[in-house]
Amino acid sequence: MSDHYLRFIPEDVDAELNMKALQKICKHKMFKGKAQIFFTDKVLFADAGQNFEKVQCPFCGENITDWWSQSMGEAFSEKVGFGDLNATVPCCGRRTSLNDLKYSFPQGFYRYMIEIMDGDHCSAQEIVLMLNKETSIKWRVIFTHY
């Protein structure tokens, strides 16, 4: 059996969120009581699971999946999670963040995450709009399939 998740993470890894406000938001009828909140002091990566296809340079569009895999290994430690996300892409030599690469399907780094298992009943776009409005920060949706 496979599992499908809708995951919502702030676009900005360093965004500060109020946990009580987040808990209140997750009680909204749009979540139908199925939302879980994850918070960590470490910066972690929310992947797309089997939906993952490739990673591209946000500047020139070059496929940099192999480079990305190595860079992820270098940026991660068990103690702090992902530390410095800054990187220079190999294709065009420009500086960016691992969080700002072009992921197909979308993925990203987080300290806060809202997750809905089997979120077929939810409109991801409506939830993102509501989260953007209620928290005054931009959110990213990740469609995950395991």
N, C-alpha and C. Protein backbone atom coordinates (compact mmCIF):
# COMPACT_ATOMS: atom_id res chain seq x y z
N MET A 1 0.83 -1.18 0.00
CA MET A 1 0.00 0.00 0.00
C MET A 1 0.88 1.25 0.00
N SER A 2 0.51 2.25 -0.76
CA SER A 2 1.30 3.47 -0.79
C SER A 2 0.59 4.57 -0.03
N ASP A 3 1.40 5.51 0.47
CA ASP A 3 0.87 6.63 1.23
C ASP A 3 1.11 7.92 0.47
N HIS A 4 0.13 8.81 0.54
CA HIS A 4 0.23 10.12 -0.07
C HIS A 4 0.11 11.16 1.03
N TYR A 5 0.96 12.19 0.95
CA TYR A 5 0.94 13.25 1.95
C TYR A 5 0.92 14.60 1.24
N LEU A 6 0.24 15.53 1.86
CA LEU A 6 0.39 16.94 1.52
C LEU A 6 1.22 17.53 2.65
N ARG A 7 2.32 18.15 2.29
CA ARG A 7 3.19 18.77 3.30
C ARG A 7 3.30 20.25 2.98
N PHE A 8 3.23 21.05 4.00
CA PHE A 8 3.31 22.49 3.84
C PHE A 8 4.46 23.00 4.69
N ILE A 9 5.39 23.71 4.04
CA ILE A 9 6.55 24.26 4.75
C ILE A 9 6.70 25.73 4.36
N PRO A 10 7.22 26.55 5.27
CA PRO A 10 7.49 27.94 4.90
C PRO A 10 8.54 28.01 3.80
N GLU A 11 8.37 28.94 2.86
CA GLU A 11 9.38 29.14 1.81
C GLU A 11 10.73 29.51 2.42
N ASP A 12 10.69 30.31 3.49
CA ASP A 12 11.89 30.76 4.19
C ASP A 12 12.16 29.83 5.36
N VAL A 13 13.26 29.10 5.29
CA VAL A 13 13.62 28.14 6.34
C VAL A 13 13.73 28.82 7.71
N ASP A 14 14.14 30.08 7.72
CA ASP A 14 14.37 30.81 8.97
C ASP A 14 13.13 31.55 9.47
N ALA A 15 11.99 31.36 8.82
CA ALA A 15 10.77 32.03 9.26
C ALA A 15 10.45 31.64 10.69
N GLU A 16 10.07 32.63 11.48
CA GLU A 16 9.69 32.39 12.87
C GLU A 16 8.17 32.24 12.93
N LEU A 17 7.71 31.16 13.51
CA LEU A 17 6.28 30.90 13.63
C LEU A 17 5.91 30.70 15.08
N ASN A 18 4.73 31.11 15.42
CA ASN A 18 4.18 30.93 16.75
C ASN A 18 3.44 29.59 16.75
N MET A 19 3.91 28.66 17.59
CA MET A 19 3.30 27.32 17.61
C MET A 19 1.82 27.34 17.98
N LYS A 20 1.44 28.20 18.91
CA LYS A 20 0.03 28.26 19.31
C LYS A 20 -0.83 28.74 18.13
N ALA A 21 -0.32 29.72 17.40
CA ALA A 21 -1.06 30.20 16.23
C ALA A 21 -1.14 29.11 15.17
N LEU A 22 -0.06 28.36 15.00
CA LEU A 22 -0.05 27.28 14.02
C LEU A 22 -1.04 26.18 14.41
N GLN A 23 -1.10 25.86 15.69
CA GLN A 23 -2.05 24.85 16.16
C GLN A 23 -3.49 25.31 15.92
N LYS A 24 -3.74 26.59 16.14
CA LYS A 24 -5.08 27.14 15.90
C LYS A 24 -5.43 27.05 14.42
N ILE A 25 -4.48 27.39 13.57
CA ILE A 25 -4.70 27.32 12.12
C ILE A 25 -5.03 25.89 11.70
N CYS A 26 -4.33 24.93 12.28
CA CYS A 26 -4.53 23.52 11.89
C CYS A 26 -5.87 22.96 12.34
N LYS A 27 -6.58 23.68 13.17
CA LYS A 27 -7.93 23.27 13.55
C LYS A 27 -8.98 23.76 12.55
N HIS A 28 -8.53 24.52 11.56
CA HIS A 28 -9.43 25.05 10.54
C HIS A 28 -10.13 23.90 9.83
N LYS A 29 -11.39 24.10 9.48
CA LYS A 29 -12.19 23.04 8.84
C LYS A 29 -11.56 22.53 7.54
N MET A 30 -10.72 23.35 6.91
CA MET A 30 -10.08 22.94 5.67
C MET A 30 -9.19 21.71 5.86
N PHE A 31 -8.64 21.54 7.06
CA PHE A 31 -7.76 20.41 7.35
C PHE A 31 -8.53 19.16 7.75
N LYS A 32 -9.79 19.31 8.03
CA LYS A 32 -10.68 18.19 8.39
C LYS A 32 -10.11 17.32 9.51
N GLY A 33 -9.40 17.96 10.45
CA GLY A 33 -8.88 17.25 11.61
C GLY A 33 -7.73 16.31 11.32
N LYS A 34 -7.14 16.40 10.15
CA LYS A 34 -6.09 15.45 9.79
C LYS A 34 -4.69 16.05 9.74
N ALA A 35 -4.54 17.29 10.16
CA ALA A 35 -3.24 17.95 10.08
C ALA A 35 -2.38 17.63 11.29
N GLN A 36 -1.10 17.37 11.04
CA GLN A 36 -0.11 17.19 12.10
C GLN A 36 0.94 18.28 11.92
N ILE A 37 1.43 18.81 13.03
CA ILE A 37 2.46 19.83 12.99
C ILE A 37 3.77 19.20 13.44
N PHE A 38 4.83 19.48 12.68
CA PHE A 38 6.16 19.02 13.05
C PHE A 38 7.03 20.25 13.26
N PHE A 39 7.75 20.27 14.37
CA PHE A 39 8.68 21.35 14.66
C PHE A 39 9.99 20.72 15.11
N THR A 40 11.08 21.28 14.63
CA THR A 40 12.39 20.79 15.02
C THR A 40 13.37 21.95 15.13
N ASP A 41 14.34 21.83 16.02
CA ASP A 41 15.40 22.83 16.12
C ASP A 41 16.38 22.69 14.96
N LYS A 42 16.42 21.50 14.38
CA LYS A 42 17.29 21.23 13.24
C LYS A 42 16.58 21.62 11.95
N VAL A 43 17.34 21.96 10.94
CA VAL A 43 16.78 22.17 9.61
C VAL A 43 16.77 20.82 8.91
N LEU A 44 15.59 20.38 8.50
CA LEU A 44 15.43 19.09 7.83
C LEU A 44 14.92 19.29 6.41
N PHE A 45 14.87 18.20 5.65
CA PHE A 45 14.46 18.26 4.25
C PHE A 45 13.15 17.50 4.07
N ALA A 46 12.19 18.16 3.47
CA ALA A 46 10.90 17.53 3.14
C ALA A 46 10.97 17.11 1.68
N ASP A 47 11.00 15.81 1.46
CA ASP A 47 11.16 15.28 0.10
C ASP A 47 9.81 14.91 -0.51
N ALA A 48 9.83 14.65 -1.79
CA ALA A 48 8.62 14.27 -2.52
C ALA A 48 8.48 12.76 -2.64
N GLY A 49 9.40 12.02 -2.04
CA GLY A 49 9.34 10.55 -2.12
C GLY A 49 9.44 10.07 -3.55
N GLN A 50 8.54 9.20 -3.94
CA GLN A 50 8.55 8.63 -5.29
C GLN A 50 8.18 9.65 -6.36
N ASN A 51 7.67 10.81 -5.97
CA ASN A 51 7.37 11.86 -6.94
C ASN A 51 8.63 12.58 -7.42
N PHE A 52 9.75 12.39 -6.71
CA PHE A 52 11.00 13.07 -7.08
C PHE A 52 11.41 12.70 -8.50
N GLU A 53 11.74 13.71 -9.29
CA GLU A 53 12.20 13.49 -10.66
C GLU A 53 13.62 13.99 -10.87
N LYS A 54 13.85 15.28 -10.58
CA LYS A 54 15.17 15.86 -10.82
C LYS A 54 15.30 17.18 -10.10
N VAL A 55 16.53 17.71 -10.11
CA VAL A 55 16.83 19.04 -9.56
C VAL A 55 17.50 19.82 -10.67
N GLN A 56 17.04 21.06 -10.86
CA GLN A 56 17.59 21.92 -11.90
C GLN A 56 18.12 23.22 -11.30
N CYS A 57 19.06 23.82 -12.00
CA CYS A 57 19.59 25.12 -11.63
C CYS A 57 18.47 26.16 -11.78
N PRO A 58 18.29 27.02 -10.78
CA PRO A 58 17.24 28.03 -10.89
C PRO A 58 17.58 29.15 -11.88
N PHE A 59 18.82 29.20 -12.33
CA PHE A 59 19.25 30.27 -13.24
C PHE A 59 19.25 29.83 -14.70
N CYS A 60 19.86 28.67 -14.99
CA CYS A 60 20.00 28.25 -16.40
C CYS A 60 19.18 27.00 -16.74
N GLY A 61 18.59 26.34 -15.73
CA GLY A 61 17.75 25.18 -15.97
C GLY A 61 18.48 23.87 -16.18
N GLU A 62 19.80 23.88 -16.05
CA GLU A 62 20.61 22.66 -16.23
C GLU A 62 20.23 21.62 -15.17
N ASN A 63 20.21 20.35 -15.56
CA ASN A 63 19.96 19.26 -14.63
C ASN A 63 21.19 19.09 -13.75
N ILE A 64 21.03 19.29 -12.43
CA ILE A 64 22.15 19.22 -11.49
C ILE A 64 21.88 18.19 -10.38
N THR A 65 21.11 17.17 -10.72
CA THR A 65 20.70 16.18 -9.73
C THR A 65 21.89 15.48 -9.08
N ASP A 66 22.88 15.08 -9.87
CA ASP A 66 24.04 14.38 -9.30
C ASP A 66 24.81 15.30 -8.35
N TRP A 67 25.05 16.52 -8.77
CA TRP A 67 25.74 17.50 -7.92
C TRP A 67 24.94 17.75 -6.64
N TRP A 68 23.62 17.89 -6.78
CA TRP A 68 22.75 18.14 -5.64
C TRP A 68 22.87 17.02 -4.60
N SER A 69 22.87 15.78 -5.05
CA SER A 69 22.96 14.65 -4.15
C SER A 69 24.23 14.74 -3.30
N GLN A 70 25.34 15.05 -3.92
CA GLN A 70 26.61 15.20 -3.21
C GLN A 70 26.55 16.40 -2.26
N SER A 71 25.98 17.50 -2.71
CA SER A 71 25.88 18.71 -1.89
C SER A 71 25.01 18.49 -0.66
N MET A 72 23.96 17.71 -0.81
CA MET A 72 23.09 17.40 0.33
C MET A 72 23.88 16.63 1.39
N GLY A 73 24.68 15.67 0.96
CA GLY A 73 25.51 14.91 1.89
C GLY A 73 26.50 15.78 2.63
N GLU A 74 27.07 16.75 1.93
CA GLU A 74 28.04 17.65 2.54
C GLU A 74 27.39 18.63 3.51
N ALA A 75 26.15 19.01 3.25
CA ALA A 75 25.47 20.02 4.08
C ALA A 75 24.83 19.42 5.34
N PHE A 76 24.70 18.10 5.41
CA PHE A 76 23.98 17.47 6.51
C PHE A 76 24.91 16.93 7.59
N SER A 77 24.48 17.10 8.83
CA SER A 77 25.14 16.42 9.95
C SER A 77 24.05 15.98 10.93
N GLU A 78 24.26 14.87 11.60
CA GLU A 78 23.28 14.35 12.55
C GLU A 78 23.01 15.35 13.67
N LYS A 79 24.02 16.10 14.05
CA LYS A 79 23.91 17.00 15.18
C LYS A 79 23.02 18.22 14.88
N VAL A 80 23.18 18.84 13.72
CA VAL A 80 22.45 20.08 13.42
C VAL A 80 21.49 19.97 12.25
N GLY A 81 21.43 18.82 11.62
CA GLY A 81 20.62 18.70 10.41
C GLY A 81 21.36 19.35 9.25
N PHE A 82 20.65 20.14 8.49
CA PHE A 82 21.29 20.85 7.38
C PHE A 82 21.75 22.21 7.89
N GLY A 83 23.06 22.44 7.80
CA GLY A 83 23.63 23.69 8.28
C GLY A 83 23.56 24.76 7.20
N ASP A 84 24.67 25.01 6.59
CA ASP A 84 24.77 26.05 5.57
C ASP A 84 24.15 25.56 4.27
N LEU A 85 23.07 26.20 3.86
CA LEU A 85 22.38 25.81 2.62
C LEU A 85 22.91 26.56 1.40
N ASN A 86 23.84 27.49 1.61
CA ASN A 86 24.39 28.24 0.49
C ASN A 86 25.27 27.35 -0.37
N ALA A 87 25.16 27.56 -1.68
CA ALA A 87 25.93 26.73 -2.61
C ALA A 87 26.18 27.50 -3.90
N THR A 88 27.18 27.04 -4.62
CA THR A 88 27.46 27.56 -5.95
C THR A 88 27.15 26.45 -6.94
N VAL A 89 26.19 26.71 -7.83
CA VAL A 89 25.79 25.67 -8.79
C VAL A 89 26.92 25.46 -9.79
N PRO A 90 27.16 24.20 -10.19
CA PRO A 90 28.31 23.90 -11.05
C PRO A 90 28.14 24.33 -12.50
N CYS A 91 26.93 24.46 -12.95
CA CYS A 91 26.66 24.73 -14.36
C CYS A 91 27.00 26.15 -14.77
N CYS A 92 26.60 27.12 -13.97
CA CYS A 92 26.83 28.52 -14.36
C CYS A 92 27.57 29.30 -13.28
N GLY A 93 27.99 28.62 -12.20
CA GLY A 93 28.82 29.23 -11.18
C GLY A 93 28.16 30.29 -10.32
N ARG A 94 26.85 30.33 -10.30
CA ARG A 94 26.14 31.34 -9.52
C ARG A 94 25.82 30.82 -8.12
N ARG A 95 25.75 31.76 -7.17
CA ARG A 95 25.44 31.43 -5.77
C ARG A 95 23.93 31.36 -5.57
N THR A 96 23.51 30.38 -4.78
CA THR A 96 22.09 30.22 -4.45
C THR A 96 22.00 29.43 -3.16
N SER A 97 20.82 29.04 -2.81
CA SER A 97 20.57 28.20 -1.65
C SER A 97 20.06 26.85 -2.14
N LEU A 98 20.39 25.80 -1.43
CA LEU A 98 19.84 24.49 -1.78
C LEU A 98 18.31 24.52 -1.72
N ASN A 99 17.75 25.40 -0.91
CA ASN A 99 16.31 25.53 -0.80
C ASN A 99 15.68 26.20 -2.03
N ASP A 100 16.48 26.96 -2.76
CA ASP A 100 15.96 27.71 -3.91
C ASP A 100 16.20 27.03 -5.25
N LEU A 101 16.74 25.81 -5.22
CA LEU A 101 16.91 25.07 -6.47
C LEU A 101 15.53 24.72 -7.03
N LYS A 102 15.49 24.38 -8.29
CA LYS A 102 14.22 24.03 -8.93
C LYS A 102 14.02 22.52 -8.81
N TYR A 103 13.15 22.13 -7.87
CA TYR A 103 12.89 20.72 -7.61
C TYR A 103 11.65 20.29 -8.39
N SER A 104 11.76 19.12 -8.99
CA SER A 104 10.62 18.55 -9.70
C SER A 104 10.37 17.16 -9.10
N PHE A 105 9.35 17.05 -8.41
CA PHE A 105 8.29 17.81 -7.77
C PHE A 105 8.88 18.70 -6.68
N PRO A 106 8.13 19.76 -6.24
CA PRO A 106 8.64 20.65 -5.21
C PRO A 106 9.07 19.90 -3.94
N GLN A 107 10.15 20.39 -3.36
CA GLN A 107 10.70 19.88 -2.11
C GLN A 107 11.30 21.07 -1.39
N GLY A 108 11.77 20.88 -0.17
CA GLY A 108 12.40 22.01 0.51
C GLY A 108 12.81 21.70 1.93
N PHE A 109 13.42 22.69 2.54
CA PHE A 109 13.96 22.58 3.89
C PHE A 109 13.02 23.25 4.88
N TYR A 110 13.00 22.73 6.09
CA TYR A 110 12.06 23.26 7.08
C TYR A 110 12.53 23.06 8.51
N ARG A 111 11.92 23.86 9.38
CA ARG A 111 11.94 23.63 10.82
C ARG A 111 10.50 23.41 11.31
N TYR A 112 9.55 23.95 10.53
CA TYR A 112 8.13 23.76 10.80
C TYR A 112 7.51 23.09 9.58
N MET A 113 6.64 22.13 9.82
CA MET A 113 5.95 21.49 8.71
C MET A 113 4.55 21.07 9.17
N ILE A 114 3.59 21.28 8.29
CA ILE A 114 2.24 20.77 8.51
C ILE A 114 2.06 19.64 7.52
N GLU A 115 1.58 18.51 7.99
CA GLU A 115 1.44 17.33 7.13
C GLU A 115 0.03 16.76 7.23
N ILE A 116 -0.50 16.41 6.08
CA ILE A 116 -1.81 15.76 6.02
C ILE A 116 -1.62 14.45 5.27
N MET A 117 -1.86 13.34 5.94
CA MET A 117 -1.76 12.04 5.28
C MET A 117 -3.03 11.79 4.47
N ASP A 118 -2.85 11.24 3.29
CA ASP A 118 -3.96 10.98 2.39
C ASP A 118 -4.80 12.24 2.21
N GLY A 119 -4.13 13.31 1.81
CA GLY A 119 -4.77 14.61 1.70
C GLY A 119 -5.60 14.82 0.45
N ASP A 120 -6.11 13.75 -0.14
CA ASP A 120 -6.91 13.88 -1.36
C ASP A 120 -8.15 14.73 -1.14
N HIS A 121 -8.62 14.81 0.09
CA HIS A 121 -9.84 15.56 0.40
C HIS A 121 -9.58 17.06 0.51
N CYS A 122 -8.31 17.47 0.46
CA CYS A 122 -7.96 18.87 0.68
C CYS A 122 -7.53 19.54 -0.62
N SER A 123 -7.80 20.82 -0.72
CA SER A 123 -7.30 21.61 -1.83
C SER A 123 -5.99 22.25 -1.40
N ALA A 124 -4.88 21.75 -1.92
CA ALA A 124 -3.56 22.23 -1.53
C ALA A 124 -3.43 23.74 -1.79
N GLN A 125 -3.91 24.19 -2.92
CA GLN A 125 -3.78 25.61 -3.26
C GLN A 125 -4.57 26.48 -2.28
N GLU A 126 -5.76 26.06 -1.92
CA GLU A 126 -6.56 26.82 -0.96
C GLU A 126 -5.87 26.87 0.41
N ILE A 127 -5.26 25.77 0.80
CA ILE A 127 -4.56 25.73 2.09
C ILE A 127 -3.36 26.66 2.06
N VAL A 128 -2.60 26.65 0.96
CA VAL A 128 -1.44 27.54 0.85
C VAL A 128 -1.89 29.00 0.95
N LEU A 129 -2.95 29.35 0.26
CA LEU A 129 -3.45 30.72 0.32
C LEU A 129 -3.87 31.09 1.74
N MET A 130 -4.54 30.18 2.43
CA MET A 130 -4.96 30.44 3.79
C MET A 130 -3.75 30.58 4.72
N LEU A 131 -2.77 29.69 4.58
CA LEU A 131 -1.56 29.77 5.41
C LEU A 131 -0.81 31.08 5.15
N ASN A 132 -0.67 31.46 3.88
CA ASN A 132 -0.01 32.72 3.54
C ASN A 132 -0.69 33.89 4.25
N LYS A 133 -2.01 33.89 4.21
CA LYS A 133 -2.78 34.98 4.80
C LYS A 133 -2.69 34.97 6.33
N GLU A 134 -2.89 33.82 6.94
CA GLU A 134 -2.95 33.72 8.40
C GLU A 134 -1.59 33.91 9.09
N THR A 135 -0.51 33.57 8.41
CA THR A 135 0.82 33.66 9.03
C THR A 135 1.65 34.82 8.49
N SER A 136 1.21 35.44 7.42
CA SER A 136 1.95 36.54 6.76
C SER A 136 3.31 36.10 6.24
N ILE A 137 3.44 34.82 5.96
CA ILE A 137 4.65 34.32 5.29
C ILE A 137 4.22 33.42 4.13
N LYS A 138 5.13 33.21 3.18
CA LYS A 138 4.82 32.35 2.04
C LYS A 138 5.10 30.90 2.37
N TRP A 139 4.20 30.02 1.90
CA TRP A 139 4.30 28.59 2.14
C TRP A 139 4.46 27.84 0.82
N ARG A 140 5.08 26.69 0.91
CA ARG A 140 5.31 25.79 -0.23
C ARG A 140 4.58 24.49 0.05
N VAL A 141 3.94 23.93 -0.97
CA VAL A 141 3.28 22.63 -0.80
C VAL A 141 4.14 21.56 -1.46
N ILE A 142 4.25 20.43 -0.77
CA ILE A 142 5.03 19.30 -1.27
C ILE A 142 4.09 18.10 -1.36
N PHE A 143 3.96 17.56 -2.55
CA PHE A 143 3.15 16.38 -2.77
C PHE A 143 4.07 15.17 -2.64
N THR A 144 3.89 14.41 -1.58
CA THR A 144 4.79 13.30 -1.28
C THR A 144 4.07 11.98 -1.45
N HIS A 145 4.76 11.04 -2.08
CA HIS A 145 4.22 9.69 -2.30
C HIS A 145 5.28 8.68 -1.91
N TYR A 146 4.94 7.80 -0.96
CA TYR A 146 5.85 6.71 -0.55
C TYR A 146 5.21 5.39 -0.88
